Amino acid sequence: MYKRGGVWWTCIRHNGKKIQKSLETVDARLAKSIEAKIRTAIAEGKFFDKPVGENKSFKDMMEKFMQEHAPKVSKRTQESYRTSLGNLMPYFADMRLSSITPKAITGYKALRYSTGVKPATVNLEHALLSKAFNLAVKEWEWLKENPVSKVRKDKENNQRDRWLTVEEAQRLLESSPQWLREIILFDLHTGLRRGELLSLEWDKVNLIRKVVIIQKSKNGKPRTIPLTPTALDILEEKAKIKSLKTNLVFLNGFGENITTGSFEKAFYNALKKTGIKDFRFHDLRHTFATRLAQRGVDIYKISKLLGHQSITMTQRYAHHCPESLRDGIQVLENPDYNLTTVVENRNVLNA
């Protein structure tokens, strides 16, 4: 035994394992008694069967998770954690961690699907559960194993075939307040993510070079986006009335920072006015990519503009219409690909 901070501690080695823990007392006699009980439990093989957190609840684990781990990740991820936790908590809140089994997790997933939730949403909640349990096992030493690791994630089908027609885009712009109209039009010409737009600052804008720099892309790598004349006009006009209170480029109608809630409310109100169905703000990226693809821009360039790590991801966004595909088959009409000539040449050779 030894003292640390006035309290007695013990350090015991058994079969290659080291047990170092506070005896939680300043009384030497009591400390020796507690240590003796620990040694007896070890000898009987009972000590290692009881993880520290066997009586902890799911609520205990998630409170520790949100206090200690969540602050280390991005604000976007924190927001995702809060959303997922809001769905997980009513089901698991008072359950002891030791009673959260793969069967219980599967039951939760079945309940979520019964309410019409999509696999992508359930997988986000699955990921949060798994991360929290991993910390409880590996870092906090509350548990011996992660029950989520025995439950498979579900296959997602996130591909969407939705983008704005020119007529829909015009209606949406006309139905939006000025500050939102600027954001929508700018996005149609840059393909930025919503977070990238709302966090864009003036020191990342270069009007002389006609580019904006996205310092923190989703893939973690910065990228430079060239500006079209339309996108450049928007920034030049906004540069004339920069706010002295913030360095952000896009603000609401009152010159204030745009919150996620107020942005979504304004955007979906605009959609409601136009009658446009099944459309999300992220689909403006689909529209940007689709229009580039339909005008013959190669997939590699589109991938770089969107900030994707692989071309496979870009292919989900870049759609073709029949008329744009028609250009691709025009090669068959070129003189060097005339099938009639090929047949004639073959007949000559066989003569």
Protein backbone atom coordinates (compact mmCIF):
# COMPACT_ATOMS: atom_id res chain seq x y z
CA MET A 1 0.00 0.00 0.00
CA TYR A 2 1.01 3.59 -0.46
CA LYS A 3 -0.42 7.05 0.04
CA ARG A 4 -1.35 9.51 -2.68
CA GLY A 5 -2.93 12.83 -1.82
CA GLY A 6 -3.47 11.67 1.74
CA VAL A 7 -5.51 8.61 0.61
CA TRP A 8 -4.33 4.99 0.70
CA TRP A 9 -3.87 3.15 -2.61
CA THR A 10 -2.95 -0.42 -3.44
CA CYS A 11 -0.97 -1.88 -6.32
CA ILE A 12 -1.33 -5.65 -6.81
CA ARG A 13 0.04 -7.82 -9.60
CA HIS A 14 -1.69 -11.10 -10.48
CA ASN A 15 -1.00 -13.35 -13.48
CA GLY A 16 0.55 -10.48 -15.43
CA LYS A 17 -2.30 -8.08 -14.64
CA LYS A 18 -1.76 -4.94 -12.60
CA ILE A 19 -4.44 -3.63 -10.27
CA GLN A 20 -3.82 -0.10 -9.10
CA LYS A 21 -6.72 1.58 -7.35
CA SER A 22 -7.63 3.92 -4.56
CA LEU A 23 -8.81 2.33 -1.31
CA GLU A 24 -10.71 5.58 -0.71
CA THR A 25 -9.72 6.01 2.93
CA VAL A 26 -7.10 7.81 5.03
CA ASP A 27 -7.36 5.18 7.78
CA ALA A 28 -4.45 2.73 7.44
CA ARG A 29 -6.22 -0.07 9.31
CA LEU A 30 -9.35 0.20 7.16
CA ALA A 31 -7.21 0.40 4.04
CA LYS A 32 -5.47 -2.88 4.93
CA SER A 33 -8.87 -4.52 5.45
CA ILE A 34 -10.12 -3.35 2.07
CA GLU A 35 -6.91 -4.47 0.38
CA ALA A 36 -7.25 -7.91 1.99
CA LYS A 37 -10.77 -8.27 0.56
CA ILE A 38 -9.47 -7.34 -2.89
CA ARG A 39 -6.72 -9.94 -2.66
CA THR A 40 -9.27 -12.56 -1.59
CA ALA A 41 -11.56 -11.68 -4.53
CA ILE A 42 -8.57 -11.96 -6.88
CA ALA A 43 -7.57 -15.34 -5.47
CA GLU A 44 -11.15 -16.64 -5.89
CA GLY A 45 -11.28 -15.35 -9.47
CA LYS A 46 -14.14 -12.96 -8.72
CA PHE A 47 -12.45 -9.58 -8.93
CA PHE A 48 -11.94 -9.45 -12.70
CA ASP A 49 -15.50 -10.61 -13.38
CA LYS A 50 -16.94 -7.30 -12.23
CA PRO A 51 -16.15 -4.35 -14.48
CA VAL A 52 -16.25 -0.95 -12.84
CA GLY A 53 -19.25 0.15 -14.89
CA GLU A 54 -21.45 -2.91 -14.57
CA ASN A 55 -23.98 -0.91 -12.57
CA LYS A 56 -23.67 2.25 -14.66
CA SER A 57 -26.68 3.27 -16.72
CA PHE A 58 -26.83 4.27 -20.38
CA LYS A 59 -27.55 7.80 -19.20
CA ASP A 60 -24.33 7.78 -17.12
CA MET A 61 -22.31 6.69 -20.14
CA MET A 62 -23.77 9.27 -22.51
CA GLU A 63 -23.37 12.12 -20.03
CA LYS A 64 -19.68 11.27 -19.70
CA PHE A 65 -19.43 10.87 -23.49
CA MET A 66 -20.97 14.28 -24.24
CA GLN A 67 -18.90 16.01 -21.56
CA GLU A 68 -15.52 14.46 -22.37
CA HIS A 69 -15.55 13.28 -25.99
CA ALA A 70 -18.06 15.47 -27.85
CA PRO A 71 -16.13 18.75 -27.31
CA LYS A 72 -13.19 17.22 -29.23
CA VAL A 73 -15.10 16.81 -32.51
CA SER A 74 -16.50 19.34 -35.01
CA LYS A 75 -19.65 21.34 -34.30
CA ARG A 76 -21.38 19.51 -37.12
CA THR A 77 -20.59 16.14 -35.52
CA GLN A 78 -21.68 17.43 -32.11
CA GLU A 79 -25.01 18.44 -33.64
CA SER A 80 -25.35 14.96 -35.14
CA TYR A 81 -24.58 13.42 -31.73
CA ARG A 82 -27.29 15.49 -30.05
CA THR A 83 -29.86 14.53 -32.68
CA SER A 84 -29.05 10.81 -32.44
CA LEU A 85 -28.97 10.91 -28.65
CA GLY A 86 -32.41 12.51 -28.61
CA ASN A 87 -33.73 9.34 -30.28
CA LEU A 88 -31.65 6.85 -28.30
CA MET A 89 -32.31 8.23 -24.83
CA PRO A 90 -36.06 7.43 -24.49
CA TYR A 91 -35.31 3.76 -25.25
CA PHE A 92 -32.06 3.14 -23.37
CA ALA A 93 -31.91 5.93 -20.73
CA ASP A 94 -32.44 3.94 -17.52
CA MET A 95 -31.05 0.62 -18.75
CA ARG A 96 -27.90 -0.66 -17.07
CA LEU A 97 -25.01 -1.00 -19.48
CA SER A 98 -24.73 -4.69 -18.64
CA SER A 99 -28.30 -5.23 -19.87
CA ILE A 100 -27.78 -3.54 -23.24
CA THR A 101 -27.24 -6.63 -25.37
CA PRO A 102 -27.10 -7.12 -29.16
CA LYS A 103 -30.72 -8.28 -28.91
CA ALA A 104 -31.74 -5.03 -27.20
CA ILE A 105 -29.95 -2.98 -29.86
CA THR A 106 -31.63 -4.96 -32.65
CA GLY A 107 -34.97 -4.34 -30.95
CA TYR A 108 -34.29 -0.61 -30.91
CA LYS A 109 -33.48 -0.63 -34.62
CA ALA A 110 -36.70 -2.52 -35.40
CA LEU A 111 -38.66 0.09 -33.45
CA ARG A 112 -37.01 2.92 -35.39
CA TYR A 113 -37.77 1.30 -38.74
CA SER A 114 -41.41 0.83 -37.72
CA THR A 115 -41.72 4.63 -37.57
CA GLY A 116 -40.46 5.03 -41.15
CA VAL A 117 -36.88 6.07 -40.36
CA LYS A 118 -34.32 5.38 -43.11
CA PRO A 119 -31.20 3.16 -42.74
CA ALA A 120 -28.86 6.17 -42.96
CA THR A 121 -30.42 7.67 -39.82
CA VAL A 122 -30.36 4.37 -37.91
CA ASN A 123 -26.71 3.88 -38.90
CA LEU A 124 -25.81 7.29 -37.46
CA GLU A 125 -27.39 6.26 -34.17
CA HIS A 126 -25.61 2.89 -34.40
CA ALA A 127 -22.28 4.72 -34.89
CA LEU A 128 -22.85 6.91 -31.82
CA LEU A 129 -23.70 3.87 -29.70
CA SER A 130 -20.62 2.02 -30.89
CA LYS A 131 -18.30 4.97 -30.24
CA ALA A 132 -19.61 5.48 -26.71
CA PHE A 133 -19.31 1.77 -25.85
CA ASN A 134 -15.81 1.64 -27.32
CA LEU A 135 -14.73 4.42 -24.99
CA ALA A 136 -16.43 2.68 -22.06
CA VAL A 137 -14.43 -0.48 -22.85
CA LYS A 138 -11.03 0.81 -23.95
CA GLU A 139 -10.55 4.07 -22.08
CA TRP A 140 -12.87 4.14 -19.09
CA GLU A 141 -12.60 0.40 -18.34
CA TRP A 142 -16.27 0.26 -17.45
CA LEU A 143 -17.01 -2.83 -19.53
CA LYS A 144 -15.27 -5.84 -21.03
CA GLU A 145 -16.84 -5.73 -24.49
CA ASN A 146 -18.86 -3.56 -26.85
CA PRO A 147 -22.29 -5.13 -27.58
CA VAL A 148 -22.75 -2.89 -30.65
CA SER A 149 -19.80 -4.59 -32.37
CA LYS A 150 -21.97 -7.70 -32.73
CA VAL A 151 -24.73 -5.85 -34.56
CA ARG A 152 -24.24 -5.08 -38.24
CA LYS A 153 -24.91 -1.72 -39.78
CA ASP A 154 -27.69 -1.75 -42.36
CA LYS A 155 -27.19 -1.25 -46.06
CA GLU A 156 -27.96 2.30 -47.13
CA ASN A 157 -29.32 3.55 -50.40
CA ASN A 158 -28.55 7.25 -50.26
CA GLN A 159 -28.41 7.83 -53.98
CA ARG A 160 -30.82 10.53 -55.09
CA ASP A 161 -31.82 11.41 -58.61
CA ARG A 162 -33.07 14.88 -57.77
CA TRP A 163 -31.93 18.24 -59.10
CA LEU A 164 -33.61 21.50 -60.06
CA THR A 165 -34.76 22.25 -63.56
CA VAL A 166 -34.09 25.78 -64.80
CA GLU A 167 -37.76 26.64 -64.31
CA GLU A 168 -37.78 25.26 -60.73
CA ALA A 169 -34.61 27.16 -59.88
CA GLN A 170 -36.15 30.40 -61.09
CA ARG A 171 -39.29 29.86 -59.03
CA LEU A 172 -37.24 29.05 -55.92
CA LEU A 173 -35.12 32.18 -56.30
CA GLU A 174 -38.21 34.37 -56.77
CA SER A 175 -39.83 32.90 -53.64
CA SER A 176 -36.82 33.45 -51.37
CA PRO A 177 -35.88 36.51 -49.29
CA GLN A 178 -32.88 38.44 -50.63
CA TRP A 179 -30.31 36.95 -48.23
CA LEU A 180 -31.42 33.38 -49.04
CA ARG A 181 -31.63 34.13 -52.76
CA GLU A 182 -27.96 35.12 -52.74
CA ILE A 183 -26.99 31.87 -51.01
CA ILE A 184 -29.03 29.67 -53.37
CA LEU A 185 -27.71 31.38 -56.50
CA PHE A 186 -24.14 31.29 -55.19
CA ASP A 187 -24.49 27.57 -54.46
CA LEU A 188 -25.85 26.84 -57.93
CA HIS A 189 -22.58 28.32 -59.25
CA THR A 190 -20.15 26.78 -56.73
CA GLY A 191 -21.66 23.52 -55.43
CA LEU A 192 -20.60 24.24 -51.83
CA ARG A 193 -22.03 22.36 -48.87
CA ARG A 194 -24.36 24.30 -46.59
CA GLY A 195 -21.81 24.35 -43.77
CA GLU A 196 -19.12 25.60 -46.13
CA LEU A 197 -21.38 28.42 -47.30
CA LEU A 198 -22.53 29.57 -43.88
CA SER A 199 -18.99 29.48 -42.45
CA LEU A 200 -17.31 31.19 -45.42
CA GLU A 201 -15.28 34.20 -44.24
CA TRP A 202 -13.94 37.17 -46.17
CA ASP A 203 -10.30 36.25 -45.60
CA LYS A 204 -10.99 33.10 -47.66
CA VAL A 205 -12.31 35.17 -50.59
CA ASN A 206 -9.98 36.51 -53.28
CA LEU A 207 -11.86 38.78 -55.65
CA ILE A 208 -8.75 39.52 -57.70
CA ARG A 209 -8.00 35.85 -58.40
CA LYS A 210 -11.76 35.18 -58.57
CA VAL A 211 -11.67 32.24 -56.15
CA VAL A 212 -12.84 31.21 -52.70
CA ILE A 213 -10.84 28.85 -50.48
CA ILE A 214 -12.65 26.20 -48.47
CA GLN A 215 -10.22 25.56 -45.65
CA LYS A 216 -12.08 22.70 -44.02
CA SER A 217 -13.77 20.38 -46.47
CA LYS A 218 -15.65 17.29 -45.35
CA ASN A 219 -12.66 15.16 -46.38
CA GLY A 220 -10.34 17.31 -44.27
CA LYS A 221 -8.47 18.81 -47.22
CA PRO A 222 -8.69 22.47 -48.34
CA ARG A 223 -9.82 23.22 -51.87
CA THR A 224 -9.96 26.28 -54.09
CA ILE A 225 -13.15 27.03 -56.02
CA PRO A 226 -13.02 29.29 -59.11
CA LEU A 227 -15.87 31.78 -59.33
CA THR A 228 -18.23 32.21 -62.25
CA PRO A 229 -19.16 35.80 -63.22
CA THR A 230 -22.49 35.34 -61.39
CA ALA A 231 -20.84 34.11 -58.18
CA LEU A 232 -18.24 36.88 -58.42
CA ASP A 233 -20.95 39.54 -58.84
CA ILE A 234 -22.66 38.34 -55.67
CA LEU A 235 -19.45 38.63 -53.64
CA GLU A 236 -18.51 42.00 -55.11
CA GLU A 237 -21.89 43.43 -54.16
CA LYS A 238 -21.69 41.98 -50.65
CA ALA A 239 -18.13 43.31 -50.25
CA LYS A 240 -19.53 46.84 -50.53
CA ILE A 241 -21.56 46.40 -47.35
CA LYS A 242 -19.37 44.18 -45.16
CA SER A 243 -20.43 43.84 -41.53
CA LEU A 244 -18.10 45.25 -38.89
CA LYS A 245 -19.38 42.73 -36.34
CA THR A 246 -18.40 39.54 -38.13
CA ASN A 247 -16.08 38.24 -40.83
CA LEU A 248 -18.74 35.93 -42.28
CA VAL A 249 -19.73 36.51 -45.89
CA PHE A 250 -23.36 35.39 -45.74
CA LEU A 251 -25.67 36.90 -43.11
CA ASN A 252 -29.44 37.02 -42.63
CA GLY A 253 -31.69 39.98 -43.45
CA PHE A 254 -30.76 41.67 -40.18
CA GLY A 255 -27.01 41.39 -40.77
CA GLU A 256 -26.67 38.61 -38.19
CA ASN A 257 -25.16 35.14 -38.27
CA ILE A 258 -27.46 32.55 -39.85
CA THR A 259 -28.39 29.72 -37.49
CA THR A 260 -29.17 26.24 -38.79
CA GLY A 261 -32.74 26.48 -37.55
CA SER A 262 -33.51 29.85 -39.14
CA PHE A 263 -31.88 28.77 -42.40
CA GLU A 264 -33.93 25.58 -42.68
CA LYS A 265 -37.14 27.41 -41.84
CA ALA A 266 -36.55 30.05 -44.54
CA PHE A 267 -35.50 27.47 -47.14
CA TYR A 268 -38.47 25.16 -46.60
CA ASN A 269 -40.87 28.11 -46.54
CA ALA A 270 -39.53 29.08 -49.98
CA LEU A 271 -39.99 25.52 -51.23
CA LYS A 272 -43.55 25.48 -49.89
CA LYS A 273 -44.39 28.66 -51.82
CA THR A 274 -43.12 27.15 -55.07
CA GLY A 275 -44.74 23.75 -54.59
CA ILE A 276 -41.39 22.03 -55.26
CA LYS A 277 -41.48 18.54 -53.69
CA ASP A 278 -38.82 16.15 -52.45
CA PHE A 279 -35.99 18.66 -52.47
CA ARG A 280 -33.28 19.43 -49.92
CA PHE A 281 -30.71 22.18 -49.86
CA HIS A 282 -27.98 19.58 -50.40
CA ASP A 283 -29.63 18.79 -53.75
CA LEU A 284 -28.31 22.12 -55.02
CA ARG A 285 -24.94 20.32 -55.12
CA HIS A 286 -26.62 17.64 -57.23
CA THR A 287 -27.88 20.39 -59.51
CA PHE A 288 -24.42 21.98 -59.79
CA ALA A 289 -22.76 18.64 -60.61
CA THR A 290 -25.51 17.57 -62.99
CA ARG A 291 -25.37 20.76 -65.03
CA LEU A 292 -21.61 20.48 -65.38
CA ALA A 293 -21.87 16.84 -66.48
CA GLN A 294 -24.62 17.63 -68.97
CA ARG A 295 -22.39 20.26 -70.53
CA GLY A 296 -19.53 17.85 -71.03
CA VAL A 297 -17.29 18.70 -68.06
CA ASP A 298 -15.28 15.58 -67.23
CA ILE A 299 -16.03 13.71 -64.01
CA TYR A 300 -12.54 14.30 -62.58
CA LYS A 301 -12.97 18.09 -62.65
CA ILE A 302 -16.43 17.84 -61.13
CA SER A 303 -15.02 15.63 -58.37
CA LYS A 304 -12.34 18.22 -57.53
CA LEU A 305 -14.86 21.07 -57.49
CA LEU A 306 -17.15 19.14 -55.13
CA GLY A 307 -14.25 18.17 -52.86
CA HIS A 308 -14.79 14.42 -53.16
CA GLN A 309 -12.05 11.94 -52.34
CA SER A 310 -13.13 9.55 -55.07
CA ILE A 311 -14.81 9.78 -58.45
CA THR A 312 -17.21 7.05 -57.33
CA MET A 313 -18.82 9.50 -54.94
CA THR A 314 -19.13 12.11 -57.69
CA GLN A 315 -20.94 9.70 -59.98
CA ARG A 316 -23.85 9.71 -57.53
CA TYR A 317 -24.35 13.42 -58.09
CA ALA A 318 -23.64 13.86 -61.79
CA HIS A 319 -26.65 12.82 -63.86
CA HIS A 320 -27.19 13.01 -67.59
CA CYS A 321 -30.33 13.80 -69.54
CA PRO A 322 -31.03 12.15 -72.95
CA GLU A 323 -30.00 15.25 -74.89
CA SER A 324 -26.60 15.49 -73.16
CA LEU A 325 -26.01 11.80 -73.83
CA ARG A 326 -26.82 12.36 -77.49
CA ASP A 327 -23.57 14.29 -77.87
CA GLY A 328 -21.68 11.23 -76.72
CA ILE A 329 -22.96 9.00 -79.53
CA GLN A 330 -22.22 11.56 -82.24
CA VAL A 331 -18.77 9.97 -82.44
CA LEU A 332 -20.42 7.08 -84.26
CA GLU A 333 -21.16 9.44 -87.17
CA ASN A 334 -17.52 10.51 -87.58
CA PRO A 335 -15.86 9.47 -90.87
CA ASP A 336 -13.37 7.22 -89.05
CA TYR A 337 -16.23 5.33 -87.40
CA ASN A 338 -18.54 4.76 -90.32
CA LEU A 339 -19.80 1.18 -90.11
CA THR A 340 -20.82 1.17 -93.77
CA THR A 341 -17.25 1.95 -94.75
CA VAL A 342 -15.96 -0.76 -92.42
CA VAL A 343 -18.23 -3.35 -94.03
CA GLU A 344 -17.19 -2.24 -97.52
CA ASN A 345 -13.50 -2.47 -96.61
CA ARG A 346 -14.02 -5.94 -95.19
CA ASN A 347 -15.71 -7.08 -98.43
CA VAL A 348 -12.74 -5.79 -100.45
CA LEU A 349 -10.29 -7.67 -98.25
CA ASN A 350 -12.26 -10.89 -98.57
CA ALA A 351 -12.56 -10.61 -102.36
